[in-house]
Amino acid sequence: MRNAVIKTWNRLLGNEEGLTLVEYGVGAILAVTVGALALTTLAQEVNTQLGEAETIMENSTPPTATP
């Protein structure tokens, strides 16, 4: 089994005919996955920051107006 994997790997490395549709598909899926993970992480961070800001605003006393 290991020899078959190594032979296939070497055959693919030596193929320089250009990208196939499958390779473009793998690249697109990878890009979408990385992008989705980045946006999810960013959304969680923004949500945390907004929650902290809300807590600070709820606990602060409003300034008093001076005539």
Protein backbone atom coordinates (compact mmCIF):
# COMPACT_ATOMS: atom_id res chain seq x y z
CA MET A 1 0.00 0.00 0.00
CA ARG A 2 2.79 2.40 0.94
CA ASN A 3 4.60 1.76 -2.36
CA ALA A 4 1.43 2.51 -4.32
CA VAL A 5 0.99 5.82 -2.52
CA ILE A 6 4.63 6.77 -3.12
CA LYS A 7 4.40 5.83 -6.82
CA THR A 8 1.20 7.86 -7.22
CA TRP A 9 2.74 10.82 -5.39
CA ASN A 10 5.85 10.73 -7.59
CA ARG A 11 3.73 10.45 -10.73
CA LEU A 12 1.67 13.49 -9.72
CA LEU A 13 4.78 15.50 -8.89
CA GLY A 14 6.22 14.79 -12.32
CA ASN A 15 3.04 15.82 -14.17
CA GLU A 16 3.47 19.35 -15.54
CA GLU A 17 0.56 19.51 -17.97
CA GLY A 18 -1.18 22.29 -16.05
CA LEU A 19 -3.98 22.49 -13.56
CA THR A 20 -7.03 20.34 -13.99
CA LEU A 21 -10.57 21.14 -12.95
CA VAL A 22 -10.14 19.00 -9.84
CA GLU A 23 -7.11 20.99 -8.72
CA TYR A 24 -8.97 24.26 -9.25
CA GLY A 25 -11.86 22.83 -7.23
CA VAL A 26 -9.56 21.83 -4.38
CA GLY A 27 -8.05 25.32 -4.38
CA ALA A 28 -11.49 26.95 -4.33
CA ILE A 29 -12.68 24.73 -1.49
CA LEU A 30 -9.54 25.50 0.48
CA ALA A 31 -9.97 29.25 -0.07
CA VAL A 32 -13.62 29.16 0.99
CA THR A 33 -12.82 27.12 4.09
CA VAL A 34 -10.01 29.44 5.21
CA GLY A 35 -12.18 32.49 4.52
CA ALA A 36 -15.10 31.08 6.49
CA LEU A 37 -12.88 30.26 9.45
CA ALA A 38 -11.38 33.74 9.39
CA LEU A 39 -14.80 35.39 9.29
CA THR A 40 -16.08 33.18 12.10
CA THR A 41 -13.12 34.07 14.28
CA LEU A 42 -13.52 37.76 13.46
CA ALA A 43 -17.26 37.65 14.21
CA GLN A 44 -16.64 36.06 17.60
CA GLU A 45 -14.06 38.72 18.46
CA VAL A 46 -16.36 41.56 17.41
CA ASN A 47 -19.21 40.04 19.43
CA THR A 48 -16.95 39.85 22.51
CA GLN A 49 -15.84 43.46 22.11
CA LEU A 50 -19.42 44.71 21.67
CA GLY A 51 -20.51 42.79 24.76
CA GLU A 52 -17.75 44.40 26.80
CA ALA A 53 -18.69 47.86 25.51
CA GLU A 54 -22.34 47.24 26.38
CA THR A 55 -21.39 46.22 29.93
CA ILE A 56 -19.25 49.33 30.38
CA MET A 57 -22.04 51.60 29.11
CA GLU A 58 -24.68 49.97 31.31
CA ASN A 59 -22.53 50.34 34.43
CA SER A 60 -21.41 53.93 33.85
CA THR A 61 -23.28 56.90 35.28
CA PRO A 62 -24.40 59.54 32.83
CA PRO A 63 -22.76 62.93 33.17
CA THR A 64 -24.79 65.61 34.93
CA ALA A 65 -25.60 68.77 33.04
CA THR A 66 -24.30 72.00 34.55
CA PRO A 67 -26.14 75.24 33.79
